[in-house]
Amino acid sequence: MKRSLEHIQYKENTEALAKFAKALAHPTRIAILKHLKSQSCCFTGDLVEVFPLAQSTVSQHLKELKNAGLIQGELKPPKIKYCINQENWNIAKSLFNDFLD
């Protein structure tokens, strides 16, 4: 089998779908998103009270979701308020619907 060292060019939608899928690859992140979807917004400390995890663990999951663009954070010193990024949430829903259809 011949292998190439060239970089594979994917469609932009394919890369976006993979980015969202990677962020959803942990059950805690899915639970966090479900919780945020049921709330308008919440602080990291609120999530620590809901989930039996260390604050550092919750923060790491929030970081992954934020890096994927599924949530957004607003600094309210000394806390950060998180909520669903509605624009990217709708894009993710559309991409997953197209992929699974």
PDB file of N, CA and C in Angstrom:
ATOM      1  N   MET A   1       0.849  -1.168   0.000  1.00  0.00           N
ATOM      2  CA  MET A   1       0.000   0.000   0.000  1.00  0.00           C
ATOM      3  C   MET A   1       0.894   1.230   0.000  1.00  0.00           C
ATOM      4  N   LYS A   2       0.642   2.111  -0.921  1.00  0.00           N
ATOM      5  CA  LYS A   2       1.435   3.329  -1.026  1.00  0.00           C
ATOM      6  C   LYS A   2       0.912   4.365  -0.034  1.00  0.00           C
ATOM      7  N   ARG A   3       1.810   4.933   0.707  1.00  0.00           N
ATOM      8  CA  ARG A   3       1.430   5.954   1.688  1.00  0.00           C
ATOM      9  C   ARG A   3       2.008   7.294   1.258  1.00  0.00           C
ATOM     10  N   SER A   4       1.297   8.319   1.594  1.00  0.00           N
ATOM     11  CA  SER A   4       1.722   9.663   1.232  1.00  0.00           C
ATOM     12  C   SER A   4       2.019  10.464   2.486  1.00  0.00           C
ATOM     13  N   LEU A   5       2.989  11.322   2.382  1.00  0.00           N
ATOM     14  CA  LEU A   5       3.307  12.209   3.502  1.00  0.00           C
ATOM     15  C   LEU A   5       2.561  13.533   3.391  1.00  0.00           C
ATOM     16  N   GLU A   6       1.761  13.656   2.340  1.00  0.00           N
ATOM     17  CA  GLU A   6       1.015  14.893   2.154  1.00  0.00           C
ATOM     18  C   GLU A   6      -0.099  15.002   3.191  1.00  0.00           C
ATOM     19  N   HIS A   7      -0.393  16.223   3.564  1.00  0.00           N
ATOM     20  CA  HIS A   7      -1.482  16.492   4.508  1.00  0.00           C
ATOM     21  C   HIS A   7      -2.817  16.307   3.799  1.00  0.00           C
ATOM     22  N   ILE A   8      -3.730  15.621   4.433  1.00  0.00           N
ATOM     23  CA  ILE A   8      -5.056  15.415   3.853  1.00  0.00           C
ATOM     24  C   ILE A   8      -5.869  16.689   4.043  1.00  0.00           C
ATOM     25  N   GLN A   9      -6.478  17.150   2.991  1.00  0.00           N
ATOM     26  CA  GLN A   9      -7.332  18.332   3.054  1.00  0.00           C
ATOM     27  C   GLN A   9      -8.778  17.884   3.267  1.00  0.00           C
ATOM     28  N   TYR A  10      -9.355  18.281   4.387  1.00  0.00           N
ATOM     29  CA  TYR A  10     -10.745  17.963   4.688  1.00  0.00           C
ATOM     30  C   TYR A  10     -11.594  19.191   4.446  1.00  0.00           C
ATOM     31  N   LYS A  11     -12.868  18.973   4.214  1.00  0.00           N
ATOM     32  CA  LYS A  11     -13.783  20.099   4.114  1.00  0.00           C
ATOM     33  C   LYS A  11     -13.883  20.760   5.483  1.00  0.00           C
ATOM     34  N   GLU A  12     -14.136  22.049   5.466  1.00  0.00           N
ATOM     35  CA  GLU A  12     -14.235  22.804   6.726  1.00  0.00           C
ATOM     36  C   GLU A  12     -15.279  22.194   7.656  1.00  0.00           C
ATOM     37  N   ASN A  13     -16.405  21.767   7.114  1.00  0.00           N
ATOM     38  CA  ASN A  13     -17.459  21.177   7.937  1.00  0.00           C
ATOM     39  C   ASN A  13     -17.003  19.881   8.607  1.00  0.00           C
ATOM     40  N   THR A  14     -16.167  19.114   7.914  1.00  0.00           N
ATOM     41  CA  THR A  14     -15.667  17.865   8.473  1.00  0.00           C
ATOM     42  C   THR A  14     -14.783  18.147   9.683  1.00  0.00           C
ATOM     43  N   GLU A  15     -13.925  19.143   9.578  1.00  0.00           N
ATOM     44  CA  GLU A  15     -13.062  19.500  10.710  1.00  0.00           C
ATOM     45  C   GLU A  15     -13.867  20.050  11.871  1.00  0.00           C
ATOM     46  N   ALA A  16     -14.880  20.848  11.581  1.00  0.00           N
ATOM     47  CA  ALA A  16     -15.733  21.396  12.645  1.00  0.00           C
ATOM     48  C   ALA A  16     -16.493  20.270  13.346  1.00  0.00           C
ATOM     49  N   LEU A  17     -17.023  19.334  12.572  1.00  0.00           N
ATOM     50  CA  LEU A  17     -17.738  18.200  13.155  1.00  0.00           C
ATOM     51  C   LEU A  17     -16.819  17.391  14.066  1.00  0.00           C
ATOM     52  N   ALA A  18     -15.582  17.156  13.619  1.00  0.00           N
ATOM     53  CA  ALA A  18     -14.621  16.402  14.428  1.00  0.00           C
ATOM     54  C   ALA A  18     -14.283  17.145  15.716  1.00  0.00           C
ATOM     55  N   LYS A  19     -14.168  18.468  15.628  1.00  0.00           N
ATOM     56  CA  LYS A  19     -13.875  19.282  16.824  1.00  0.00           C
ATOM     57  C   LYS A  19     -15.004  19.166  17.846  1.00  0.00           C
ATOM     58  N   PHE A  20     -16.245  19.259  17.385  1.00  0.00           N
ATOM     59  CA  PHE A  20     -17.388  19.138  18.287  1.00  0.00           C
ATOM     60  C   PHE A  20     -17.483  17.721  18.858  1.00  0.00           C
ATOM     61  N   ALA A  21     -17.258  16.721  17.999  1.00  0.00           N
ATOM     62  CA  ALA A  21     -17.332  15.327  18.450  1.00  0.00           C
ATOM     63  C   ALA A  21     -16.288  15.036  19.520  1.00  0.00           C
ATOM     64  N   LYS A  22     -15.093  15.569  19.341  1.00  0.00           N
ATOM     65  CA  LYS A  22     -14.028  15.361  20.338  1.00  0.00           C
ATOM     66  C   LYS A  22     -14.441  15.963  21.681  1.00  0.00           C
ATOM     67  N   ALA A  23     -15.042  17.137  21.641  1.00  0.00           N
ATOM     68  CA  ALA A  23     -15.484  17.787  22.886  1.00  0.00           C
ATOM     69  C   ALA A  23     -16.583  16.980  23.576  1.00  0.00           C
ATOM     70  N   LEU A  24     -17.373  16.257  22.799  1.00  0.00           N
ATOM     71  CA  LEU A  24     -18.477  15.466  23.355  1.00  0.00           C
ATOM     72  C   LEU A  24     -18.055  14.047  23.720  1.00  0.00           C
ATOM     73  N   ALA A  25     -16.775  13.745  23.606  1.00  0.00           N
ATOM     74  CA  ALA A  25     -16.287  12.380  23.787  1.00  0.00           C
ATOM     75  C   ALA A  25     -16.157  11.947  25.248  1.00  0.00           C
ATOM     76  N   HIS A  26     -16.603  12.758  26.179  1.00  0.00           N
ATOM     77  CA  HIS A  26     -16.537  12.383  27.594  1.00  0.00           C
ATOM     78  C   HIS A  26     -17.923  12.565  28.211  1.00  0.00           C
ATOM     79  N   PRO A  27     -18.408  11.569  28.938  1.00  0.00           N
ATOM     80  CA  PRO A  27     -19.766  11.663  29.505  1.00  0.00           C
ATOM     81  C   PRO A  27     -19.974  12.861  30.424  1.00  0.00           C
ATOM     82  N   THR A  28     -18.937  13.285  31.140  1.00  0.00           N
ATOM     83  CA  THR A  28     -19.082  14.448  32.023  1.00  0.00           C
ATOM     84  C   THR A  28     -19.345  15.706  31.212  1.00  0.00           C
ATOM     85  N   ARG A  29     -18.698  15.835  30.063  1.00  0.00           N
ATOM     86  CA  ARG A  29     -18.916  17.025  29.228  1.00  0.00           C
ATOM     87  C   ARG A  29     -20.337  17.047  28.679  1.00  0.00           C
ATOM     88  N   ILE A  30     -20.851  15.881  28.338  1.00  0.00           N
ATOM     89  CA  ILE A  30     -22.237  15.811  27.875  1.00  0.00           C
ATOM     90  C   ILE A  30     -23.176  16.210  29.012  1.00  0.00           C
ATOM     91  N   ALA A  31     -22.902  15.736  30.217  1.00  0.00           N
ATOM     92  CA  ALA A  31     -23.727  16.092  31.379  1.00  0.00           C
ATOM     93  C   ALA A  31     -23.650  17.590  31.667  1.00  0.00           C
ATOM     94  N   ILE A  32     -22.463  18.167  31.543  1.00  0.00           N
ATOM     95  CA  ILE A  32     -22.305  19.615  31.755  1.00  0.00           C
ATOM     96  C   ILE A  32     -23.127  20.381  30.731  1.00  0.00           C
ATOM     97  N   LEU A  33     -23.060  19.964  29.466  1.00  0.00           N
ATOM     98  CA  LEU A  33     -23.832  20.644  28.422  1.00  0.00           C
ATOM     99  C   LEU A  33     -25.331  20.524  28.677  1.00  0.00           C
ATOM    100  N   LYS A  34     -25.787  19.358  29.098  1.00  0.00           N
ATOM    101  CA  LYS A  34     -27.210  19.182  29.413  1.00  0.00           C
ATOM    102  C   LYS A  34     -27.622  20.111  30.551  1.00  0.00           C
ATOM    103  N   HIS A  35     -26.755  20.211  31.555  1.00  0.00           N
ATOM    104  CA  HIS A  35     -27.055  21.094  32.691  1.00  0.00           C
ATOM    105  C   HIS A  35     -27.105  22.553  32.235  1.00  0.00           C
ATOM    106  N   LEU A  36     -26.111  22.966  31.448  1.00  0.00           N
ATOM    107  CA  LEU A  36     -26.085  24.354  30.970  1.00  0.00           C
ATOM    108  C   LEU A  36     -27.278  24.646  30.060  1.00  0.00           C
ATOM    109  N   LYS A  37     -27.691  23.650  29.290  1.00  0.00           N
ATOM    110  CA  LYS A  37     -28.837  23.835  28.392  1.00  0.00           C
ATOM    111  C   LYS A  37     -30.120  24.070  29.190  1.00  0.00           C
ATOM    112  N   SER A  38     -30.204  23.479  30.386  1.00  0.00           N
ATOM    113  CA  SER A  38     -31.398  23.645  31.215  1.00  0.00           C
ATOM    114  C   SER A  38     -31.361  24.933  32.046  1.00  0.00           C
ATOM    115  N   GLN A  39     -30.208  25.580  32.094  1.00  0.00           N
ATOM    116  CA  GLN A  39     -30.034  26.829  32.840  1.00  0.00           C
ATOM    117  C   GLN A  39     -29.769  27.954  31.829  1.00  0.00           C
ATOM    118  N   SER A  40     -29.931  29.175  32.236  1.00  0.00           N
ATOM    119  CA  SER A  40     -29.525  30.255  31.334  1.00  0.00           C
ATOM    120  C   SER A  40     -28.002  30.347  31.338  1.00  0.00           C
ATOM    121  N   CYS A  41     -27.400  30.283  32.502  1.00  0.00           N
ATOM    122  CA  CYS A  41     -25.951  30.309  32.690  1.00  0.00           C
ATOM    123  C   CYS A  41     -25.660  29.822  34.101  1.00  0.00           C
ATOM    124  N   CYS A  42     -24.403  29.501  34.368  1.00  0.00           N
ATOM    125  CA  CYS A  42     -24.021  29.188  35.745  1.00  0.00           C
ATOM    126  C   CYS A  42     -22.521  29.365  35.920  1.00  0.00           C
ATOM    127  N   PHE A  43     -22.116  29.416  37.169  1.00  0.00           N
ATOM    128  CA  PHE A  43     -20.711  29.586  37.521  1.00  0.00           C
ATOM    129  C   PHE A  43     -20.057  28.229  37.758  1.00  0.00           C
ATOM    130  N   THR A  44     -18.726  28.203  37.686  1.00  0.00           N
ATOM    131  CA  THR A  44     -17.976  26.965  37.903  1.00  0.00           C
ATOM    132  C   THR A  44     -18.346  26.345  39.242  1.00  0.00           C
ATOM    133  N   GLY A  45     -18.430  27.142  40.268  1.00  0.00           N
ATOM    134  CA  GLY A  45     -18.770  26.647  41.603  1.00  0.00           C
ATOM    135  C   GLY A  45     -20.123  25.959  41.645  1.00  0.00           C
ATOM    136  N   ASP A  46     -21.077  26.471  40.850  1.00  0.00           N
ATOM    137  CA  ASP A  46     -22.397  25.839  40.779  1.00  0.00           C
ATOM    138  C   ASP A  46     -22.284  24.430  40.202  1.00  0.00           C
ATOM    139  N   LEU A  47     -21.443  24.279  39.183  1.00  0.00           N
ATOM    140  CA  LEU A  47     -21.259  22.970  38.561  1.00  0.00           C
ATOM    141  C   LEU A  47     -20.574  21.990  39.505  1.00  0.00           C
ATOM    142  N   VAL A  48     -19.655  22.500  40.333  1.00  0.00           N
ATOM    143  CA  VAL A  48     -18.971  21.644  41.313  1.00  0.00           C
ATOM    144  C   VAL A  48     -19.980  21.104  42.320  1.00  0.00           C
ATOM    145  N   GLU A  49     -20.997  21.881  42.633  1.00  0.00           N
ATOM    146  CA  GLU A  49     -22.037  21.416  43.550  1.00  0.00           C
ATOM    147  C   GLU A  49     -22.948  20.373  42.898  1.00  0.00           C
ATOM    148  N   VAL A  50     -23.140  20.458  41.580  1.00  0.00           N
ATOM    149  CA  VAL A  50     -24.011  19.536  40.860  1.00  0.00           C
ATOM    150  C   VAL A  50     -23.310  18.210  40.578  1.00  0.00           C
ATOM    151  N   PHE A  51     -22.045  18.276  40.196  1.00  0.00           N
ATOM    152  CA  PHE A  51     -21.286  17.083  39.829  1.00  0.00           C
ATOM    153  C   PHE A  51     -20.284  16.729  40.929  1.00  0.00           C
ATOM    154  N   PRO A  52     -20.175  15.460  41.277  1.00  0.00           N
ATOM    155  CA  PRO A  52     -19.265  15.051  42.362  1.00  0.00           C
ATOM    156  C   PRO A  52     -17.813  14.967  41.878  1.00  0.00           C
ATOM    157  N   LEU A  53     -17.302  16.103  41.409  1.00  0.00           N
ATOM    158  CA  LEU A  53     -15.946  16.166  40.877  1.00  0.00           C
ATOM    159  C   LEU A  53     -15.195  17.331  41.511  1.00  0.00           C
ATOM    160  N   ALA A  54     -13.888  17.229  41.495  1.00  0.00           N
ATOM    161  CA  ALA A  54     -13.056  18.337  41.989  1.00  0.00           C
ATOM    162  C   ALA A  54     -13.230  19.540  41.068  1.00  0.00           C
ATOM    163  N   GLN A  55     -13.062  20.722  41.626  1.00  0.00           N
ATOM    164  CA  GLN A  55     -13.198  21.935  40.821  1.00  0.00           C
ATOM    165  C   GLN A  55     -12.217  21.934  39.660  1.00  0.00           C
ATOM    166  N   SER A  56     -11.011  21.436  39.870  1.00  0.00           N
ATOM    167  CA  SER A  56     -10.019  21.411  38.792  1.00  0.00           C
ATOM    168  C   SER A  56     -10.478  20.511  37.642  1.00  0.00           C
ATOM    169  N   THR A  57     -11.151  19.412  37.967  1.00  0.00           N
ATOM    170  CA  THR A  57     -11.663  18.503  36.940  1.00  0.00           C
ATOM    171  C   THR A  57     -12.788  19.169  36.153  1.00  0.00           C
ATOM    172  N   VAL A  58     -13.713  19.807  36.858  1.00  0.00           N
ATOM    173  CA  VAL A  58     -14.803  20.529  36.197  1.00  0.00           C
ATOM    174  C   VAL A  58     -14.223  21.625  35.303  1.00  0.00           C
ATOM    175  N   SER A  59     -13.233  22.342  35.818  1.00  0.00           N
ATOM    176  CA  SER A  59     -12.605  23.415  35.037  1.00  0.00           C
ATOM    177  C   SER A  59     -11.957  22.881  33.763  1.00  0.00           C
ATOM    178  N   GLN A  60     -11.332  21.719  33.839  1.00  0.00           N
ATOM    179  CA  GLN A  60     -10.702  21.124  32.661  1.00  0.00           C
ATOM    180  C   GLN A  60     -11.757  20.755  31.615  1.00  0.00           C
ATOM    181  N   HIS A  61     -12.872  20.198  32.059  1.00  0.00           N
ATOM    182  CA  HIS A  61     -13.950  19.861  31.124  1.00  0.00           C
ATOM    183  C   HIS A  61     -14.543  21.135  30.502  1.00  0.00           C
ATOM    184  N   LEU A  62     -14.704  22.175  31.302  1.00  0.00           N
ATOM    185  CA  LEU A  62     -15.204  23.447  30.779  1.00  0.00           C
ATOM    186  C   LEU A  62     -14.242  24.021  29.746  1.00  0.00           C
ATOM    187  N   LYS A  63     -12.956  23.886  30.001  1.00  0.00           N
ATOM    188  CA  LYS A  63     -11.940  24.375  29.067  1.00  0.00           C
ATOM    189  C   LYS A  63     -12.062  23.666  27.717  1.00  0.00           C
ATOM    190  N   GLU A  64     -12.255  22.357  27.738  1.00  0.00           N
ATOM    191  CA  GLU A  64     -12.399  21.591  26.494  1.00  0.00           C
ATOM    192  C   GLU A  64     -13.652  22.023  25.728  1.00  0.00           C
ATOM    193  N   LEU A  65     -14.753  22.211  26.444  1.00  0.00           N
ATOM    194  CA  LEU A  65     -15.994  22.638  25.797  1.00  0.00           C
ATOM    195  C   LEU A  65     -15.867  24.052  25.236  1.00  0.00           C
ATOM    196  N   LYS A  66     -15.168  24.903  25.972  1.00  0.00           N
ATOM    197  CA  LYS A  66     -14.968  26.278  25.515  1.00  0.00           C
ATOM    198  C   LYS A  66     -14.048  26.309  24.299  1.00  0.00           C
ATOM    199  N   ASN A  67     -12.975  25.519  24.322  1.00  0.00           N
ATOM    200  CA  ASN A  67     -12.054  25.473  23.184  1.00  0.00           C
ATOM    201  C   ASN A  67     -12.749  24.981  21.917  1.00  0.00           C
ATOM    202  N   ALA A  68     -13.733  24.111  22.082  1.00  0.00           N
ATOM    203  CA  ALA A  68     -14.500  23.612  20.934  1.00  0.00           C
ATOM    204  C   ALA A  68     -15.550  24.627  20.485  1.00  0.00           C
ATOM    205  N   GLY A  69     -15.790  25.643  21.312  1.00  0.00           N
ATOM    206  CA  GLY A  69     -16.758  26.676  20.961  1.00  0.00           C
ATOM    207  C   GLY A  69     -18.188  26.360  21.350  1.00  0.00           C
ATOM    208  N   LEU A  70     -18.396  25.273  22.098  1.00  0.00           N
ATOM    209  CA  LEU A  70     -19.757  24.901  22.478  1.00  0.00           C
ATOM    210  C   LEU A  70     -20.297  25.731  23.637  1.00  0.00           C
ATOM    211  N   ILE A  71     -19.394  26.270  24.458  1.00  0.00           N
ATOM    212  CA  ILE A  71     -19.811  27.144  25.554  1.00  0.00           C
ATOM    213  C   ILE A  71     -18.977  28.417  25.495  1.00  0.00           C
ATOM    214  N   GLN A  72     -19.429  29.404  26.212  1.00  0.00           N
ATOM    215  CA  GLN A  72     -18.671  30.644  26.340  1.00  0.00           C
ATOM    216  C   GLN A  72     -18.632  31.043  27.801  1.00  0.00           C
ATOM    217  N   GLY A  73     -17.557  31.701  28.162  1.00  0.00           N
ATOM    218  CA  GLY A  73     -17.383  32.134  29.541  1.00  0.00           C
ATOM    219  C   GLY A  73     -17.269  33.635  29.622  1.00  0.00           C
ATOM    220  N   GLU A  74     -17.867  34.181  30.658  1.00  0.00           N
ATOM    221  CA  GLU A  74     -17.809  35.619  30.907  1.00  0.00           C
ATOM    222  C   GLU A  74     -17.202  35.831  32.286  1.00  0.00           C
ATOM    223  N   LEU A  75     -16.109  36.578  32.331  1.00  0.00           N
ATOM    224  CA  LEU A  75     -15.408  36.807  33.586  1.00  0.00           C
ATOM    225  C   LEU A  75     -16.211  37.760  34.462  1.00  0.00           C
ATOM    226  N   LYS A  76     -16.568  37.266  35.642  1.00  0.00           N
ATOM    227  CA  LYS A  76     -17.240  38.061  36.674  1.00  0.00           C
ATOM    228  C   LYS A  76     -16.402  37.885  37.935  1.00  0.00           C
ATOM    229  N   PRO A  77     -15.273  38.635  38.028  1.00  0.00           N
ATOM    230  CA  PRO A  77     -14.293  38.381  39.099  1.00  0.00           C
ATOM    231  C   PRO A  77     -14.943  38.193  40.459  1.00  0.00           C
ATOM    232  N   PRO A  78     -14.515  37.193  41.207  1.00  0.00           N
ATOM    233  CA  PRO A  78     -13.450  36.223  40.912  1.00  0.00           C
ATOM    234  C   PRO A  78     -13.971  34.966  40.221  1.00  0.00           C
ATOM    235  N   LYS A  79     -15.165  34.998  39.652  1.00  0.00           N
ATOM    236  CA  LYS A  79     -15.768  33.807  39.067  1.00  0.00           C
ATOM    237  C   LYS A  79     -15.881  33.950  37.547  1.00  0.00           C
ATOM    238  N   ILE A  80     -16.184  32.822  36.902  1.00  0.00           N
ATOM    239  CA  ILE A  80     -16.479  32.820  35.473  1.00  0.00           C
ATOM    240  C   ILE A  80     -17.877  32.232  35.288  1.00  0.00           C
ATOM    241  N   LYS A  81     -18.701  32.966  34.552  1.00  0.00           N
ATOM    242  CA  LYS A  81     -20.064  32.523  34.265  1.00  0.00           C
ATOM    243  C   LYS A  81     -20.060  31.848  32.895  1.00  0.00           C
ATOM    244  N   TYR A  82     -20.574  30.617  32.827  1.00  0.00           N
ATOM    245  CA  TYR A  82     -20.601  29.850  31.583  1.00  0.00           C
ATOM    246  C   TYR A  82     -22.020  29.675  31.077  1.00  0.00           C
ATOM    247  N   CYS A  83     -22.150  29.669  29.760  1.00  0.00           N
ATOM    248  CA  CYS A  83     -23.427  29.370  29.127  1.00  0.00           C
ATOM    249  C   CYS A  83     -23.167  28.764  27.747  1.00  0.00           C
ATOM    250  N   ILE A  84     -24.195  28.203  27.161  1.00  0.00           N
ATOM    251  CA  ILE A  84     -24.097  27.612  25.827  1.00  0.00           C
ATOM    252  C   ILE A  84     -23.822  28.730  24.817  1.00  0.00           C
ATOM    253  N   ASN A  85     -22.896  28.487  23.901  1.00  0.00           N
ATOM    254  CA  ASN A  85     -22.672  29.403  22.783  1.00  0.00           C
ATOM    255  C   ASN A  85     -23.709  29.035  21.722  1.00  0.00           C
ATOM    256  N   GLN A  86     -24.804  29.778  21.684  1.00  0.00           N
ATOM    257  CA  GLN A  86     -25.953  29.412  20.853  1.00  0.00           C
ATOM    258  C   GLN A  86     -25.604  29.303  19.367  1.00  0.00           C
ATOM    259  N   GLU A  87     -24.773  30.180  18.871  1.00  0.00           N
ATOM    260  CA  GLU A  87     -24.412  30.142  17.450  1.00  0.00           C
ATOM    261  C   GLU A  87     -23.706  28.828  17.109  1.00  0.00           C
ATOM    262  N   ASN A  88     -22.679  28.487  17.889  1.00  0.00           N
ATOM    263  CA  ASN A  88     -21.944  27.245  17.630  1.00  0.00           C
ATOM    264  C   ASN A  88     -22.767  26.008  17.982  1.00  0.00           C
ATOM    265  N   TRP A  89     -23.637  26.122  18.974  1.00  0.00           N
ATOM    266  CA  TRP A  89     -24.517  25.011  19.342  1.00  0.00           C
ATOM    267  C   TRP A  89     -25.413  24.653  18.146  1.00  0.00           C
ATOM    268  N   ASN A  90     -25.957  25.673  17.490  1.00  0.00           N
ATOM    269  CA  ASN A  90     -26.808  25.441  16.324  1.00  0.00           C
ATOM    270  C   ASN A  90     -26.010  24.874  15.150  1.00  0.00           C
ATOM    271  N   ILE A  91     -24.784  25.333  14.974  1.00  0.00           N
ATOM    272  CA  ILE A  91     -23.918  24.785  13.931  1.00  0.00           C
ATOM    273  C   ILE A  91     -23.639  23.314  14.212  1.00  0.00           C
ATOM    274  N   ALA A  92     -23.308  22.985  15.461  1.00  0.00           N
ATOM    275  CA  ALA A  92     -23.014  21.597  15.837  1.00  0.00           C
ATOM    276  C   ALA A  92     -24.239  20.712  15.590  1.00  0.00           C
ATOM    277  N   LYS A  93     -25.422  21.178  15.983  1.00  0.00           N
ATOM    278  CA  LYS A  93     -26.643  20.398  15.766  1.00  0.00           C
ATOM    279  C   LYS A  93     -26.847  20.128  14.280  1.00  0.00           C
ATOM    280  N   SER A  94     -26.647  21.142  13.459  1.00  0.00           N
ATOM    281  CA  SER A  94     -26.817  20.982  12.024  1.00  0.00           C
ATOM    282  C   SER A  94     -25.798  20.003  11.441  1.00  0.00           C
ATOM    283  N   LEU A  95     -24.539  20.121  11.844  1.00  0.00           N
ATOM    284  CA  LEU A  95     -23.500  19.239  11.341  1.00  0.00           C
ATOM    285  C   LEU A  95     -23.764  17.779  11.741  1.00  0.00           C
ATOM    286  N   PHE A  96     -24.153  17.575  12.994  1.00  0.00           N
ATOM    287  CA  PHE A  96     -24.450  16.201  13.441  1.00  0.00           C
ATOM    288  C   PHE A  96     -25.684  15.646  12.722  1.00  0.00           C
ATOM    289  N   ASN A  97     -26.703  16.482  12.533  1.00  0.00           N
ATOM    290  CA  ASN A  97     -27.900  16.034  11.801  1.00  0.00           C
ATOM    291  C   ASN A  97     -27.540  15.616  10.377  1.00  0.00           C
ATOM    292  N   ASP A  98     -26.735  16.436   9.694  1.00  0.00           N
ATOM    293  CA  ASP A  98     -26.318  16.111   8.335  1.00  0.00           C
ATOM    294  C   ASP A  98     -25.490  14.821   8.304  1.00  0.00           C
ATOM    295  N   PHE A  99     -24.611  14.672   9.272  1.00  0.00           N
ATOM    296  CA  PHE A  99     -23.738  13.502   9.314  1.00  0.00           C
ATOM    297  C   PHE A  99     -24.527  12.221   9.591  1.00  0.00           C
ATOM    298  N   LEU A 100     -25.477  12.286  10.505  1.00  0.00           N
ATOM    299  CA  LEU A 100     -26.227  11.109  10.922  1.00  0.00           C
ATOM    300  C   LEU A 100     -27.440  10.815  10.058  1.00  0.00           C
ATOM    301  N   ASP A 101     -27.764  11.729   9.172  1.00  0.00           N
ATOM    302  CA  ASP A 101     -28.939  11.543   8.317  1.00  0.00           C
ATOM    303  C   ASP A 101     -28.641  10.604   7.156  1.00  0.00           C
TER     304      ASP A 101
END
